[in-house]
Amino acid sequence: MRSKQVVGEAALLAAVSICLAGIYNLMAPKERSLAWIGHYSAGDLQPQAATPEASASSPTAGGSKYLRTIAPPKDPGLPYLEVAGDVAQRLQAAGALIIDARRSDAYERGHIPGARSIAIWERDADEKIGALQKEAIPFEQVMVVYCSGGDCEDSKILSEKLGMTGFYNIYVYKEGFPDWERRGLPVHRGNTP
């Protein structure tokens, strides 16, 4: 009899905790709230052809032929391939789409020039992923995703989500932004790429 009471109280406590956490998440500022579980399907939006006026090295044109030839070979069965700083720098210089998976406030303090912010743990992450498809960025676009390096898993989580939407040329800059700064490479500040 006592064990049934304990199980019932534990279930009630868990339900109340989940409800309170959901309410807090809804009321929290954008940069402090967690994203709800999203829906990802490669079939939602079909890739569109690049516009003729896009330049050959433009990220919306899928990158140049040169970019696709310097990108390291990647197993198509893997959602992403981890790369070192020198490879990330070459891909960035060649016109790869760079995506910063860190929180918005970290992005504003400094990011790789041209990087887009898709903070994986913020509420608008799903919208920003969907915007890539709406902008007609082809699924074969070479992308470099980074976060804070070290034990940070945000870039890997974001890369998996991008892969679930159909993008497949995804490279994770494993040392991330701290390595970029250590190398003395250019840093852009503010909330624009």
C-alpha atoms as a PDB file:
ATOM      1  CA  MET A   1       0.000   0.000   0.000  1.00  0.00           C
ATOM      2  CA  ARG A   2       2.805   2.408   0.919  1.00  0.00           C
ATOM      3  CA  SER A   3       4.632   1.790  -2.398  1.00  0.00           C
ATOM      4  CA  LYS A   4       1.516   2.738  -4.397  1.00  0.00           C
ATOM      5  CA  GLN A   5       1.333   6.019  -2.493  1.00  0.00           C
ATOM      6  CA  VAL A   6       5.034   6.757  -3.141  1.00  0.00           C
ATOM      7  CA  VAL A   7       4.675   5.987  -6.876  1.00  0.00           C
ATOM      8  CA  GLY A   8       1.583   8.185  -7.093  1.00  0.00           C
ATOM      9  CA  GLU A   9       3.287  11.078  -5.334  1.00  0.00           C
ATOM     10  CA  ALA A  10       6.371  10.731  -7.548  1.00  0.00           C
ATOM     11  CA  ALA A  11       4.219  10.783 -10.700  1.00  0.00           C
ATOM     12  CA  LEU A  12       2.344  13.863  -9.435  1.00  0.00           C
ATOM     13  CA  LEU A  13       5.629  15.613  -8.609  1.00  0.00           C
ATOM     14  CA  ALA A  14       7.025  14.803 -12.084  1.00  0.00           C
ATOM     15  CA  ALA A  15       3.869  16.110 -13.806  1.00  0.00           C
ATOM     16  CA  VAL A  16       3.912  19.357 -11.803  1.00  0.00           C
ATOM     17  CA  SER A  17       7.639  19.809 -12.540  1.00  0.00           C
ATOM     18  CA  ILE A  18       7.126  19.364 -16.272  1.00  0.00           C
ATOM     19  CA  CYS A  19       4.229  21.840 -16.306  1.00  0.00           C
ATOM     20  CA  LEU A  20       6.221  24.447 -14.372  1.00  0.00           C
ATOM     21  CA  ALA A  21       9.249  23.988 -16.636  1.00  0.00           C
ATOM     22  CA  GLY A  22       7.045  24.461 -19.718  1.00  0.00           C
ATOM     23  CA  ILE A  23       5.505  27.624 -18.285  1.00  0.00           C
ATOM     24  CA  TYR A  24       8.941  29.015 -17.407  1.00  0.00           C
ATOM     25  CA  ASN A  25      10.214  28.211 -20.911  1.00  0.00           C
ATOM     26  CA  LEU A  26       7.301  30.060 -22.514  1.00  0.00           C
ATOM     27  CA  MET A  27       7.884  33.141 -20.358  1.00  0.00           C
ATOM     28  CA  ALA A  28      11.706  33.145 -20.569  1.00  0.00           C
ATOM     29  CA  PRO A  29      13.516  35.581 -22.893  1.00  0.00           C
ATOM     30  CA  LYS A  30      14.442  34.149 -26.296  1.00  0.00           C
ATOM     31  CA  GLU A  31      18.116  33.711 -25.467  1.00  0.00           C
ATOM     32  CA  ARG A  32      17.339  31.761 -22.256  1.00  0.00           C
ATOM     33  CA  SER A  33      14.522  29.501 -23.442  1.00  0.00           C
ATOM     34  CA  LEU A  34      14.945  26.038 -24.880  1.00  0.00           C
ATOM     35  CA  ALA A  35      13.634  25.109 -28.301  1.00  0.00           C
ATOM     36  CA  TRP A  36      10.645  22.811 -28.328  1.00  0.00           C
ATOM     37  CA  ILE A  37      11.055  19.536 -30.149  1.00  0.00           C
ATOM     38  CA  GLY A  38      10.983  20.417 -33.832  1.00  0.00           C
ATOM     39  CA  HIS A  39       9.723  18.700 -36.931  1.00  0.00           C
ATOM     40  CA  TYR A  40      12.324  17.955 -39.566  1.00  0.00           C
ATOM     41  CA  SER A  41      11.562  16.376 -42.863  1.00  0.00           C
ATOM     42  CA  ALA A  42      13.485  16.589 -46.094  1.00  0.00           C
ATOM     43  CA  GLY A  43      10.148  16.318 -47.874  1.00  0.00           C
ATOM     44  CA  ASP A  44       8.706  19.525 -46.421  1.00  0.00           C
ATOM     45  CA  LEU A  45      10.469  21.788 -48.893  1.00  0.00           C
ATOM     46  CA  GLN A  46      12.145  20.661 -52.055  1.00  0.00           C
ATOM     47  CA  PRO A  47      15.456  22.269 -52.988  1.00  0.00           C
ATOM     48  CA  GLN A  48      15.154  24.913 -55.621  1.00  0.00           C
ATOM     49  CA  ALA A  49      17.552  25.722 -58.384  1.00  0.00           C
ATOM     50  CA  ALA A  50      19.832  28.665 -57.818  1.00  0.00           C
ATOM     51  CA  THR A  51      18.865  31.903 -59.435  1.00  0.00           C
ATOM     52  CA  PRO A  52      20.850  32.769 -62.572  1.00  0.00           C
ATOM     53  CA  GLU A  53      21.977  36.085 -61.127  1.00  0.00           C
ATOM     54  CA  ALA A  54      23.693  34.386 -58.165  1.00  0.00           C
ATOM     55  CA  SER A  55      27.430  34.292 -58.484  1.00  0.00           C
ATOM     56  CA  ALA A  56      29.239  30.988 -58.745  1.00  0.00           C
ATOM     57  CA  SER A  57      30.800  31.383 -55.315  1.00  0.00           C
ATOM     58  CA  SER A  58      27.622  32.542 -53.590  1.00  0.00           C
ATOM     59  CA  PRO A  59      26.342  30.254 -50.813  1.00  0.00           C
ATOM     60  CA  THR A  60      22.887  30.393 -52.389  1.00  0.00           C
ATOM     61  CA  ALA A  61      24.326  29.022 -55.605  1.00  0.00           C
ATOM     62  CA  GLY A  62      25.654  25.935 -53.853  1.00  0.00           C
ATOM     63  CA  GLY A  63      29.209  27.204 -53.795  1.00  0.00           C
ATOM     64  CA  SER A  64      31.688  27.148 -56.605  1.00  0.00           C
ATOM     65  CA  LYS A  65      32.978  24.025 -58.275  1.00  0.00           C
ATOM     66  CA  TYR A  66      36.319  24.854 -56.621  1.00  0.00           C
ATOM     67  CA  LEU A  67      34.655  24.833 -53.191  1.00  0.00           C
ATOM     68  CA  ARG A  68      33.221  21.373 -53.756  1.00  0.00           C
ATOM     69  CA  THR A  69      36.624  20.095 -54.912  1.00  0.00           C
ATOM     70  CA  ILE A  70      38.534  21.385 -51.866  1.00  0.00           C
ATOM     71  CA  ALA A  71      35.958  20.079 -49.389  1.00  0.00           C
ATOM     72  CA  PRO A  72      37.267  16.863 -47.820  1.00  0.00           C
ATOM     73  CA  PRO A  73      35.581  13.666 -49.014  1.00  0.00           C
ATOM     74  CA  LYS A  74      32.705  12.745 -46.722  1.00  0.00           C
ATOM     75  CA  ASP A  75      30.857   9.471 -46.319  1.00  0.00           C
ATOM     76  CA  PRO A  76      27.306  10.203 -47.544  1.00  0.00           C
ATOM     77  CA  GLY A  77      25.950   8.026 -44.754  1.00  0.00           C
ATOM     78  CA  LEU A  78      27.326  10.378 -42.092  1.00  0.00           C
ATOM     79  CA  PRO A  79      25.436  13.561 -41.174  1.00  0.00           C
ATOM     80  CA  TYR A  80      28.697  15.542 -40.903  1.00  0.00           C
ATOM     81  CA  LEU A  81      32.479  15.303 -40.948  1.00  0.00           C
ATOM     82  CA  GLU A  82      34.682  16.944 -38.309  1.00  0.00           C
ATOM     83  CA  VAL A  83      37.423  19.179 -39.694  1.00  0.00           C
ATOM     84  CA  ALA A  84      40.348  21.103 -38.227  1.00  0.00           C
ATOM     85  CA  GLY A  85      40.845  24.858 -38.294  1.00  0.00           C
ATOM     86  CA  ASP A  86      42.940  24.993 -41.460  1.00  0.00           C
ATOM     87  CA  VAL A  87      40.233  23.161 -43.418  1.00  0.00           C
ATOM     88  CA  ALA A  88      37.482  25.362 -41.948  1.00  0.00           C
ATOM     89  CA  GLN A  89      39.477  28.448 -42.925  1.00  0.00           C
ATOM     90  CA  ARG A  90      39.953  27.213 -46.527  1.00  0.00           C
ATOM     91  CA  LEU A  91      36.257  26.369 -46.853  1.00  0.00           C
ATOM     92  CA  GLN A  92      35.261  29.775 -45.453  1.00  0.00           C
ATOM     93  CA  ALA A  93      37.614  31.561 -47.857  1.00  0.00           C
ATOM     94  CA  ALA A  94      36.194  29.555 -50.778  1.00  0.00           C
ATOM     95  CA  GLY A  95      32.609  30.606 -49.997  1.00  0.00           C
ATOM     96  CA  ALA A  96      31.169  27.844 -47.797  1.00  0.00           C
ATOM     97  CA  LEU A  97      28.093  28.742 -45.786  1.00  0.00           C
ATOM     98  CA  ILE A  98      29.320  29.244 -42.202  1.00  0.00           C
ATOM     99  CA  ILE A  99      26.867  28.633 -39.355  1.00  0.00           C
ATOM    100  CA  ASP A 100      27.427  29.573 -35.709  1.00  0.00           C
ATOM    101  CA  ALA A 101      25.567  27.242 -33.322  1.00  0.00           C
ATOM    102  CA  ARG A 102      26.362  29.260 -30.168  1.00  0.00           C
ATOM    103  CA  ARG A 103      23.849  31.403 -28.309  1.00  0.00           C
ATOM    104  CA  SER A 104      22.976  34.790 -29.808  1.00  0.00           C
ATOM    105  CA  ASP A 105      24.831  36.786 -27.159  1.00  0.00           C
ATOM    106  CA  ALA A 106      28.074  34.875 -27.875  1.00  0.00           C
ATOM    107  CA  TYR A 107      27.527  35.436 -31.624  1.00  0.00           C
ATOM    108  CA  GLU A 108      27.148  39.190 -31.071  1.00  0.00           C
ATOM    109  CA  ARG A 109      30.388  39.345 -29.050  1.00  0.00           C
ATOM    110  CA  GLY A 110      32.270  37.856 -32.007  1.00  0.00           C
ATOM    111  CA  HIS A 111      31.900  35.349 -34.837  1.00  0.00           C
ATOM    112  CA  ILE A 112      33.542  34.212 -38.061  1.00  0.00           C
ATOM    113  CA  PRO A 113      32.904  36.826 -40.786  1.00  0.00           C
ATOM    114  CA  GLY A 114      29.897  35.849 -42.894  1.00  0.00           C
ATOM    115  CA  ALA A 115      28.621  33.321 -40.333  1.00  0.00           C
ATOM    116  CA  ARG A 116      24.888  33.008 -39.793  1.00  0.00           C
ATOM    117  CA  SER A 117      23.597  32.521 -36.275  1.00  0.00           C
ATOM    118  CA  ILE A 118      21.429  29.463 -35.662  1.00  0.00           C
ATOM    119  CA  ALA A 119      21.623  29.067 -31.891  1.00  0.00           C
ATOM    120  CA  ILE A 120      20.551  25.480 -31.442  1.00  0.00           C
ATOM    121  CA  TRP A 121      19.104  25.984 -27.950  1.00  0.00           C
ATOM    122  CA  GLU A 122      17.103  29.100 -28.752  1.00  0.00           C
ATOM    123  CA  ARG A 123      13.449  29.194 -29.637  1.00  0.00           C
ATOM    124  CA  ASP A 124      13.907  30.384 -33.252  1.00  0.00           C
ATOM    125  CA  ALA A 125      16.367  27.660 -34.340  1.00  0.00           C
ATOM    126  CA  ASP A 126      13.725  25.731 -36.274  1.00  0.00           C
ATOM    127  CA  GLU A 127      12.599  28.902 -38.069  1.00  0.00           C
ATOM    128  CA  LYS A 128      16.168  29.708 -39.094  1.00  0.00           C
ATOM    129  CA  ILE A 129      16.718  26.174 -40.401  1.00  0.00           C
ATOM    130  CA  GLY A 130      13.507  26.466 -42.401  1.00  0.00           C
ATOM    131  CA  ALA A 131      14.651  29.847 -43.724  1.00  0.00           C
ATOM    132  CA  LEU A 132      17.694  28.181 -45.318  1.00  0.00           C
ATOM    133  CA  GLN A 133      15.345  26.073 -47.415  1.00  0.00           C
ATOM    134  CA  LYS A 134      13.050  28.996 -48.205  1.00  0.00           C
ATOM    135  CA  GLU A 135      16.078  30.956 -49.450  1.00  0.00           C
ATOM    136  CA  ALA A 136      16.596  28.227 -52.035  1.00  0.00           C
ATOM    137  CA  ILE A 137      19.940  27.196 -50.596  1.00  0.00           C
ATOM    138  CA  PRO A 138      20.550  23.871 -52.322  1.00  0.00           C
ATOM    139  CA  PHE A 139      20.947  20.733 -50.240  1.00  0.00           C
ATOM    140  CA  GLU A 140      24.431  20.184 -51.729  1.00  0.00           C
ATOM    141  CA  GLN A 141      25.686  23.522 -50.318  1.00  0.00           C
ATOM    142  CA  VAL A 142      28.955  23.090 -48.427  1.00  0.00           C
ATOM    143  CA  MET A 143      28.388  24.185 -44.814  1.00  0.00           C
ATOM    144  CA  VAL A 144      30.776  24.636 -41.907  1.00  0.00           C
ATOM    145  CA  VAL A 145      29.077  24.571 -38.501  1.00  0.00           C
ATOM    146  CA  TYR A 146      30.916  25.605 -35.354  1.00  0.00           C
ATOM    147  CA  CYS A 147      30.366  26.343 -31.687  1.00  0.00           C
ATOM    148  CA  SER A 148      32.710  26.869 -28.737  1.00  0.00           C
ATOM    149  CA  GLY A 149      34.929  23.849 -29.436  1.00  0.00           C
ATOM    150  CA  GLY A 150      36.205  21.504 -26.737  1.00  0.00           C
ATOM    151  CA  ASP A 151      33.299  19.639 -25.151  1.00  0.00           C
ATOM    152  CA  CYS A 152      30.661  21.773 -26.901  1.00  0.00           C
ATOM    153  CA  GLU A 153      28.235  19.541 -28.813  1.00  0.00           C
ATOM    154  CA  ASP A 154      25.979  22.309 -30.194  1.00  0.00           C
ATOM    155  CA  SER A 155      27.544  22.250 -33.675  1.00  0.00           C
ATOM    156  CA  LYS A 156      27.076  18.476 -33.902  1.00  0.00           C
ATOM    157  CA  ILE A 157      23.453  18.661 -32.779  1.00  0.00           C
ATOM    158  CA  LEU A 158      22.743  21.461 -35.270  1.00  0.00           C
ATOM    159  CA  SER A 159      24.517  19.531 -38.043  1.00  0.00           C
ATOM    160  CA  GLU A 160      22.321  16.510 -37.382  1.00  0.00           C
ATOM    161  CA  LYS A 161      19.204  18.690 -37.585  1.00  0.00           C
ATOM    162  CA  LEU A 162      20.433  20.237 -40.847  1.00  0.00           C
ATOM    163  CA  GLY A 163      21.067  16.733 -42.166  1.00  0.00           C
ATOM    164  CA  MET A 164      17.529  15.712 -41.235  1.00  0.00           C
ATOM    165  CA  THR A 165      16.202  18.525 -43.434  1.00  0.00           C
ATOM    166  CA  GLY A 166      18.198  17.297 -46.439  1.00  0.00           C
ATOM    167  CA  PHE A 167      21.521  19.168 -46.357  1.00  0.00           C
ATOM    168  CA  TYR A 168      24.392  16.746 -46.760  1.00  0.00           C
ATOM    169  CA  ASN A 169      27.706  18.603 -47.279  1.00  0.00           C
ATOM    170  CA  ILE A 170      28.109  19.513 -43.626  1.00  0.00           C
ATOM    171  CA  TYR A 171      31.458  19.924 -41.880  1.00  0.00           C
ATOM    172  CA  VAL A 172      31.860  20.545 -38.145  1.00  0.00           C
ATOM    173  CA  TYR A 173      34.741  22.805 -37.158  1.00  0.00           C
ATOM    174  CA  LYS A 174      35.670  20.754 -34.096  1.00  0.00           C
ATOM    175  CA  GLU A 175      37.880  23.311 -32.329  1.00  0.00           C
ATOM    176  CA  GLY A 176      35.295  26.032 -32.991  1.00  0.00           C
ATOM    177  CA  PHE A 177      35.430  29.764 -32.486  1.00  0.00           C
ATOM    178  CA  PRO A 178      38.129  29.794 -29.750  1.00  0.00           C
ATOM    179  CA  ASP A 179      40.532  28.157 -32.226  1.00  0.00           C
ATOM    180  CA  TRP A 180      39.594  30.717 -34.904  1.00  0.00           C
ATOM    181  CA  GLU A 181      40.514  33.530 -32.500  1.00  0.00           C
ATOM    182  CA  ARG A 182      43.755  31.798 -31.413  1.00  0.00           C
ATOM    183  CA  ARG A 183      44.800  31.668 -35.071  1.00  0.00           C
ATOM    184  CA  GLY A 184      44.403  35.455 -35.269  1.00  0.00           C
ATOM    185  CA  LEU A 185      41.820  35.200 -38.042  1.00  0.00           C
ATOM    186  CA  PRO A 186      39.284  37.994 -38.698  1.00  0.00           C
ATOM    187  CA  VAL A 187      36.372  38.290 -36.257  1.00  0.00           C
ATOM    188  CA  HIS A 188      33.142  40.147 -36.913  1.00  0.00           C
ATOM    189  CA  ARG A 189      31.156  41.643 -34.010  1.00  0.00           C
ATOM    190  CA  GLY A 190      27.438  42.419 -33.862  1.00  0.00           C
ATOM    191  CA  ASN A 191      24.294  40.580 -34.807  1.00  0.00           C
ATOM    192  CA  THR A 192      24.823  40.563 -38.593  1.00  0.00           C
ATOM    193  CA  PRO A 193      26.975  38.158 -40.618  1.00  0.00           C
END
